[in-house]
C-alpha atoms as a PDB file:
ATOM      1  CA  MET A   1      18.342  55.332 -69.587  1.00  0.00           C
ATOM      2  CA  LEU A   2      20.007  58.538 -70.561  1.00  0.00           C
ATOM      3  CA  LEU A   3      17.138  59.591 -72.774  1.00  0.00           C
ATOM      4  CA  ASN A   4      13.624  60.530 -71.694  1.00  0.00           C
ATOM      5  CA  ASN A   5      11.309  61.447 -74.572  1.00  0.00           C
ATOM      6  CA  GLY A   6      14.314  62.193 -76.677  1.00  0.00           C
ATOM      7  CA  ARG A   7      16.129  64.357 -74.043  1.00  0.00           C
ATOM      8  CA  ASN A   8      19.310  63.675 -72.128  1.00  0.00           C
ATOM      9  CA  LYS A   9      18.720  63.377 -68.351  1.00  0.00           C
ATOM     10  CA  TRP A  10      22.359  63.186 -67.314  1.00  0.00           C
ATOM     11  CA  PRO A  11      23.144  66.983 -67.473  1.00  0.00           C
ATOM     12  CA  ARG A  12      20.292  67.693 -65.056  1.00  0.00           C
ATOM     13  CA  ARG A  13      21.369  64.881 -62.703  1.00  0.00           C
ATOM     14  CA  LEU A  14      24.952  66.086 -62.822  1.00  0.00           C
ATOM     15  CA  ALA A  15      23.866  69.650 -61.993  1.00  0.00           C
ATOM     16  CA  VAL A  16      21.810  68.439 -58.989  1.00  0.00           C
ATOM     17  CA  ALA A  17      24.692  66.266 -57.728  1.00  0.00           C
ATOM     18  CA  LEU A  18      27.187  69.109 -58.053  1.00  0.00           C
ATOM     19  CA  SER A  19      24.812  71.478 -56.231  1.00  0.00           C
ATOM     20  CA  VAL A  20      24.483  69.079 -53.300  1.00  0.00           C
ATOM     21  CA  LEU A  21      28.260  68.559 -53.138  1.00  0.00           C
ATOM     22  CA  GLY A  22      28.867  72.314 -53.355  1.00  0.00           C
ATOM     23  CA  ALA A  23      26.426  73.025 -50.519  1.00  0.00           C
ATOM     24  CA  ALA A  24      28.075  70.340 -48.354  1.00  0.00           C
ATOM     25  CA  ALA A  25      31.519  71.826 -49.068  1.00  0.00           C
ATOM     26  CA  LEU A  26      30.340  75.327 -48.090  1.00  0.00           C
ATOM     27  CA  VAL A  27      28.884  74.018 -44.845  1.00  0.00           C
ATOM     28  CA  ALA A  28      32.149  72.249 -44.051  1.00  0.00           C
ATOM     29  CA  VAL A  29      34.175  75.382 -44.752  1.00  0.00           C
ATOM     30  CA  PHE A  30      32.021  77.894 -42.857  1.00  0.00           C
ATOM     31  CA  VAL A  31      30.776  75.853 -39.930  1.00  0.00           C
ATOM     32  CA  ARG A  32      33.236  74.712 -37.285  1.00  0.00           C
ATOM     33  CA  SER A  33      32.646  73.038 -33.967  1.00  0.00           C
ATOM     34  CA  GLY A  34      32.504  75.110 -30.761  1.00  0.00           C
ATOM     35  CA  SER A  35      35.842  73.720 -29.586  1.00  0.00           C
ATOM     36  CA  ALA A  36      37.483  74.655 -32.892  1.00  0.00           C
ATOM     37  CA  GLN A  37      36.098  78.204 -32.592  1.00  0.00           C
ATOM     38  CA  ARG A  38      37.428  78.540 -29.035  1.00  0.00           C
ATOM     39  CA  ALA A  39      40.825  77.199 -30.095  1.00  0.00           C
ATOM     40  CA  ALA A  40      40.904  79.731 -32.905  1.00  0.00           C
ATOM     41  CA  GLY A  41      39.920  82.619 -30.614  1.00  0.00           C
ATOM     42  CA  GLY A  42      36.159  82.567 -31.329  1.00  0.00           C
ATOM     43  CA  ASP A  43      33.339  83.142 -28.856  1.00  0.00           C
ATOM     44  CA  GLU A  44      35.021  83.362 -25.453  1.00  0.00           C
ATOM     45  CA  THR A  45      31.685  83.383 -23.604  1.00  0.00           C
ATOM     46  CA  ALA A  46      30.712  79.924 -24.864  1.00  0.00           C
ATOM     47  CA  PRO A  47      31.025  77.147 -22.275  1.00  0.00           C
ATOM     48  CA  SER A  48      34.096  75.026 -22.708  1.00  0.00           C
ATOM     49  CA  GLU A  49      34.328  71.277 -22.427  1.00  0.00           C
ATOM     50  CA  LEU A  50      36.694  71.787 -19.499  1.00  0.00           C
ATOM     51  CA  GLY A  51      33.923  73.192 -17.308  1.00  0.00           C
ATOM     52  CA  ALA A  52      35.334  76.715 -17.052  1.00  0.00           C
ATOM     53  CA  SER A  53      32.734  79.446 -16.663  1.00  0.00           C
ATOM     54  CA  PRO A  54      32.747  83.213 -17.116  1.00  0.00           C
ATOM     55  CA  GLN A  55      33.888  85.096 -14.038  1.00  0.00           C
ATOM     56  CA  PRO A  56      31.221  87.308 -12.436  1.00  0.00           C
ATOM     57  CA  LEU A  57      31.934  90.976 -11.951  1.00  0.00           C
ATOM     58  CA  LYS A  58      30.344  90.873  -8.494  1.00  0.00           C
ATOM     59  CA  SER A  59      29.473  87.831  -6.442  1.00  0.00           C
ATOM     60  CA  VAL A  60      27.684  87.759  -3.103  1.00  0.00           C
ATOM     61  CA  SER A  61      27.245  84.636  -0.992  1.00  0.00           C
ATOM     62  CA  ASN A  62      25.201  84.281   2.192  1.00  0.00           C
ATOM     63  CA  GLY A  63      24.242  87.943   2.139  1.00  0.00           C
ATOM     64  CA  VAL A  64      21.896  89.152   4.828  1.00  0.00           C
ATOM     65  CA  LEU A  65      19.151  91.305   3.322  1.00  0.00           C
ATOM     66  CA  SER A  66      16.453  91.443   5.967  1.00  0.00           C
ATOM     67  CA  ARG A  67      14.738  94.707   5.010  1.00  0.00           C
ATOM     68  CA  PHE A  68      13.389  96.400   1.926  1.00  0.00           C
ATOM     69  CA  ASP A  69      12.282  99.835   0.771  1.00  0.00           C
ATOM     70  CA  ALA A  70      10.327 100.503  -2.412  1.00  0.00           C
ATOM     71  CA  ILE A  71       8.790 103.190  -4.578  1.00  0.00           C
ATOM     72  CA  ASP A  72       6.533 103.117  -7.611  1.00  0.00           C
ATOM     73  CA  ALA A  73       5.095 105.625 -10.052  1.00  0.00           C
ATOM     74  CA  THR A  74       2.353 105.652 -12.685  1.00  0.00           C
ATOM     75  CA  ASP A  75       2.917 108.812 -14.721  1.00  0.00           C
ATOM     76  CA  ASN A  76       4.236 108.673 -18.311  1.00  0.00           C
ATOM     77  CA  PRO A  77       7.559 110.523 -18.545  1.00  0.00           C
ATOM     78  CA  CYS A  78       9.481 110.635 -21.810  1.00  0.00           C
ATOM     79  CA  GLU A  79      13.113 111.611 -22.306  1.00  0.00           C
ATOM     80  CA  THR A  80      15.372 112.510 -25.241  1.00  0.00           C
ATOM     81  CA  SER A  81      18.563 113.435 -23.369  1.00  0.00           C
ATOM     82  CA  THR A  82      21.687 111.595 -24.513  1.00  0.00           C
ATOM     83  CA  THR A  83      23.289 112.246 -21.118  1.00  0.00           C
ATOM     84  CA  PHE A  84      21.974 110.449 -18.048  1.00  0.00           C
ATOM     85  CA  VAL A  85      19.241 112.218 -16.086  1.00  0.00           C
ATOM     86  CA  ASP A  86      17.169 111.148 -13.086  1.00  0.00           C
ATOM     87  CA  MET A  87      14.142 109.044 -13.979  1.00  0.00           C
ATOM     88  CA  PRO A  88      11.147 110.817 -12.390  1.00  0.00           C
ATOM     89  CA  GLY A  89       9.953 109.157  -9.196  1.00  0.00           C
ATOM     90  CA  MET A  90      12.753 106.579  -9.052  1.00  0.00           C
ATOM     91  CA  THR A  91      14.841 107.940  -6.169  1.00  0.00           C
ATOM     92  CA  LYS A  92      14.493 106.305  -2.753  1.00  0.00           C
ATOM     93  CA  THR A  93      16.294 106.897   0.546  1.00  0.00           C
ATOM     94  CA  TYR A  94      16.865 103.910   2.832  1.00  0.00           C
ATOM     95  CA  SER A  95      18.612 103.162   6.131  1.00  0.00           C
ATOM     96  CA  GLN A  96      21.125 100.366   5.813  1.00  0.00           C
ATOM     97  CA  GLY A  97      21.551  98.248   8.923  1.00  0.00           C
ATOM     98  CA  GLY A  98      24.486  96.108   9.900  1.00  0.00           C
ATOM     99  CA  PRO A  99      27.487  96.531  12.177  1.00  0.00           C
ATOM    100  CA  VAL A 100      28.868 100.063  12.506  1.00  0.00           C
ATOM    101  CA  GLY A 101      32.143 100.500  10.615  1.00  0.00           C
ATOM    102  CA  SER A 102      31.486  97.687   8.149  1.00  0.00           C
ATOM    103  CA  LYS A 103      30.027  97.622   4.635  1.00  0.00           C
ATOM    104  CA  SER A 104      27.401  95.538   2.842  1.00  0.00           C
ATOM    105  CA  ARG A 105      26.021  95.208  -0.660  1.00  0.00           C
ATOM    106  CA  SER A 106      22.363  95.709  -1.489  1.00  0.00           C
ATOM    107  CA  ILE A 107      20.139  94.608  -4.342  1.00  0.00           C
ATOM    108  CA  VAL A 108      18.245  97.304  -6.248  1.00  0.00           C
ATOM    109  CA  MET A 109      15.562  95.982  -8.593  1.00  0.00           C
ATOM    110  CA  PHE A 110      13.989  98.225 -11.234  1.00  0.00           C
ATOM    111  CA  GLN A 111      11.100  97.333 -13.559  1.00  0.00           C
ATOM    112  CA  GLY A 112       9.174  99.565 -15.926  1.00  0.00           C
ATOM    113  CA  GLU A 113       6.482  99.294 -18.566  1.00  0.00           C
ATOM    114  CA  TRP A 114       8.081 100.826 -21.632  1.00  0.00           C
ATOM    115  CA  ILE A 115       5.477 102.428 -23.857  1.00  0.00           C
ATOM    116  CA  PRO A 116       6.026 103.065 -27.588  1.00  0.00           C
ATOM    117  CA  ASN A 117       9.508 104.499 -28.044  1.00  0.00           C
ATOM    118  CA  THR A 118      11.501 105.577 -31.030  1.00  0.00           C
ATOM    119  CA  GLY A 119      14.806 105.239 -29.189  1.00  0.00           C
ATOM    120  CA  ARG A 120      16.948 102.926 -27.100  1.00  0.00           C
ATOM    121  CA  ALA A 121      16.781 103.424 -23.310  1.00  0.00           C
ATOM    122  CA  LEU A 122      19.965 103.132 -21.246  1.00  0.00           C
ATOM    123  CA  LEU A 123      19.789 102.647 -17.459  1.00  0.00           C
ATOM    124  CA  ARG A 124      22.233 102.997 -14.597  1.00  0.00           C
ATOM    125  CA  LEU A 125      22.094 103.031 -10.797  1.00  0.00           C
ATOM    126  CA  LEU A 126      23.558 105.627  -8.450  1.00  0.00           C
ATOM    127  CA  ILE A 127      23.968 105.196  -4.700  1.00  0.00           C
ATOM    128  CA  ASP A 128      24.627 108.466  -2.884  1.00  0.00           C
ATOM    129  CA  GLY A 129      25.378 110.101  -6.242  1.00  0.00           C
ATOM    130  CA  VAL A 130      27.992 107.509  -7.263  1.00  0.00           C
ATOM    131  CA  VAL A 131      27.448 105.363 -10.369  1.00  0.00           C
ATOM    132  CA  GLN A 132      27.583 101.718  -9.312  1.00  0.00           C
ATOM    133  CA  THR A 133      30.066  99.497 -11.140  1.00  0.00           C
ATOM    134  CA  GLY A 134      28.844  96.805 -13.476  1.00  0.00           C
ATOM    135  CA  PRO A 135      25.900  96.888 -15.868  1.00  0.00           C
ATOM    136  CA  GLY A 136      25.040 100.518 -16.539  1.00  0.00           C
ATOM    137  CA  ASP A 137      28.438 102.066 -15.833  1.00  0.00           C
ATOM    138  CA  ALA A 138      30.624 103.612 -18.540  1.00  0.00           C
ATOM    139  CA  ALA A 139      32.453 100.318 -19.138  1.00  0.00           C
ATOM    140  CA  SER A 140      29.248  98.303 -19.651  1.00  0.00           C
ATOM    141  CA  PRO A 141      26.294 100.352 -20.922  1.00  0.00           C
ATOM    142  CA  PHE A 142      22.967  98.618 -20.392  1.00  0.00           C
ATOM    143  CA  ALA A 143      19.884  99.072 -22.585  1.00  0.00           C
ATOM    144  CA  ALA A 144      16.641  98.176 -20.827  1.00  0.00           C
ATOM    145  CA  HIS A 145      14.420  98.682 -23.869  1.00  0.00           C
ATOM    146  CA  GLU A 146      14.456  99.459 -27.564  1.00  0.00           C
ATOM    147  CA  GLY A 147      11.650  99.692 -30.064  1.00  0.00           C
ATOM    148  CA  THR A 148       8.007 100.489 -30.380  1.00  0.00           C
ATOM    149  CA  GLN A 149       6.460  97.520 -28.561  1.00  0.00           C
ATOM    150  CA  ASP A 150       4.901  97.895 -25.114  1.00  0.00           C
ATOM    151  CA  ALA A 151       7.021  95.726 -22.824  1.00  0.00           C
ATOM    152  CA  THR A 152       8.004  95.401 -19.188  1.00  0.00           C
ATOM    153  CA  ASN A 153      11.774  95.367 -18.779  1.00  0.00           C
ATOM    154  CA  GLY A 154      14.245  96.274 -16.083  1.00  0.00           C
ATOM    155  CA  PHE A 155      17.333  95.115 -14.268  1.00  0.00           C
ATOM    156  CA  ASN A 156      18.454  93.877 -10.847  1.00  0.00           C
ATOM    157  CA  PHE A 157      21.554  95.785  -9.784  1.00  0.00           C
ATOM    158  CA  VAL A 158      24.088  94.530  -7.217  1.00  0.00           C
ATOM    159  CA  THR A 159      25.499  97.589  -5.467  1.00  0.00           C
ATOM    160  CA  ASP A 160      29.068  98.249  -4.545  1.00  0.00           C
ATOM    161  CA  PRO A 161      29.708  97.835  -0.789  1.00  0.00           C
ATOM    162  CA  GLN A 162      27.948 100.612   1.158  1.00  0.00           C
ATOM    163  CA  THR A 163      28.623 101.757   4.727  1.00  0.00           C
ATOM    164  CA  ASN A 164      26.353 100.081   7.279  1.00  0.00           C
ATOM    165  CA  ALA A 165      24.318 101.908   9.946  1.00  0.00           C
ATOM    166  CA  THR A 166      23.891 104.861   7.560  1.00  0.00           C
ATOM    167  CA  THR A 167      21.211 106.366   5.330  1.00  0.00           C
ATOM    168  CA  HIS A 168      21.744 105.996   1.573  1.00  0.00           C
ATOM    169  CA  SER A 169      19.943 107.209  -1.543  1.00  0.00           C
ATOM    170  CA  ALA A 170      19.329 104.932  -4.552  1.00  0.00           C
ATOM    171  CA  LYS A 171      18.566 106.611  -7.872  1.00  0.00           C
ATOM    172  CA  VAL A 172      17.764 105.183 -11.313  1.00  0.00           C
ATOM    173  CA  GLN A 173      18.942 107.314 -14.229  1.00  0.00           C
ATOM    174  CA  TRP A 174      18.158 106.955 -17.915  1.00  0.00           C
ATOM    175  CA  ALA A 175      19.368 108.270 -21.262  1.00  0.00           C
ATOM    176  CA  SER A 176      18.469 107.933 -24.934  1.00  0.00           C
ATOM    177  CA  VAL A 177      21.241 106.515 -27.106  1.00  0.00           C
ATOM    178  CA  PHE A 178      20.685 108.827 -30.110  1.00  0.00           C
ATOM    179  CA  GLY A 179      18.335 111.448 -28.642  1.00  0.00           C
ATOM    180  CA  ASP A 180      15.177 109.700 -29.799  1.00  0.00           C
ATOM    181  CA  SER A 181      12.152 109.601 -27.500  1.00  0.00           C
ATOM    182  CA  ILE A 182      12.131 106.975 -24.732  1.00  0.00           C
ATOM    183  CA  CYS A 183       9.011 106.664 -22.551  1.00  0.00           C
ATOM    184  CA  VAL A 184       8.102 104.638 -19.477  1.00  0.00           C
ATOM    185  CA  ASP A 185       4.760 104.245 -17.712  1.00  0.00           C
ATOM    186  CA  GLU A 186       4.206 102.194 -14.552  1.00  0.00           C
ATOM    187  CA  ARG A 187       7.521 101.473 -12.860  1.00  0.00           C
ATOM    188  CA  SER A 188       9.003 100.520  -9.520  1.00  0.00           C
ATOM    189  CA  THR A 189      12.281 100.340  -7.669  1.00  0.00           C
ATOM    190  CA  VAL A 190      12.749  97.888  -4.800  1.00  0.00           C
ATOM    191  CA  ILE A 191      15.829  97.985  -2.551  1.00  0.00           C
ATOM    192  CA  LEU A 192      16.765  94.852  -0.578  1.00  0.00           C
ATOM    193  CA  HIS A 193      19.222  95.737   2.167  1.00  0.00           C
ATOM    194  CA  ARG A 194      20.391  95.070   5.731  1.00  0.00           C
END
């Protein structure tokens, strides 16, 4: 039983058994359940068993967005600036409705076909020259695209409250993280507003 053609089989069997036990021990040490990770200060964005959810930065309920304005472009601009600059053709003026003296949020949707890049493209939204809070501001940089693949990517921005019964200007700006070339082809900006 221990010999096979004159050789001992038990050292090989022992080595296999110890390997399996060692692998199981490593898994037990390095893998913990989600609740254990949360209890130990792990991934705070993971859902908890208590039903708590991440708090949104901005939340709009029952918003009235009855009008839209849009712009699109088909040229092929490229950029290498590491500071934000206006994306060509992606500025649009619109007249926000609603009661005089009050404010409303709008939705600004941007999409672009990113053509082969060597850099990482950051985006942000400005309304009347003011950077809107949330994705794209200094506290939460937002990269719409990275890499050499052709892809259509963008973002839907929720604006800060804007004065009603007034004309506003929405502008998409972009920057390259390390000064490498970022290029976009067909693109559009759509503004949903009162």
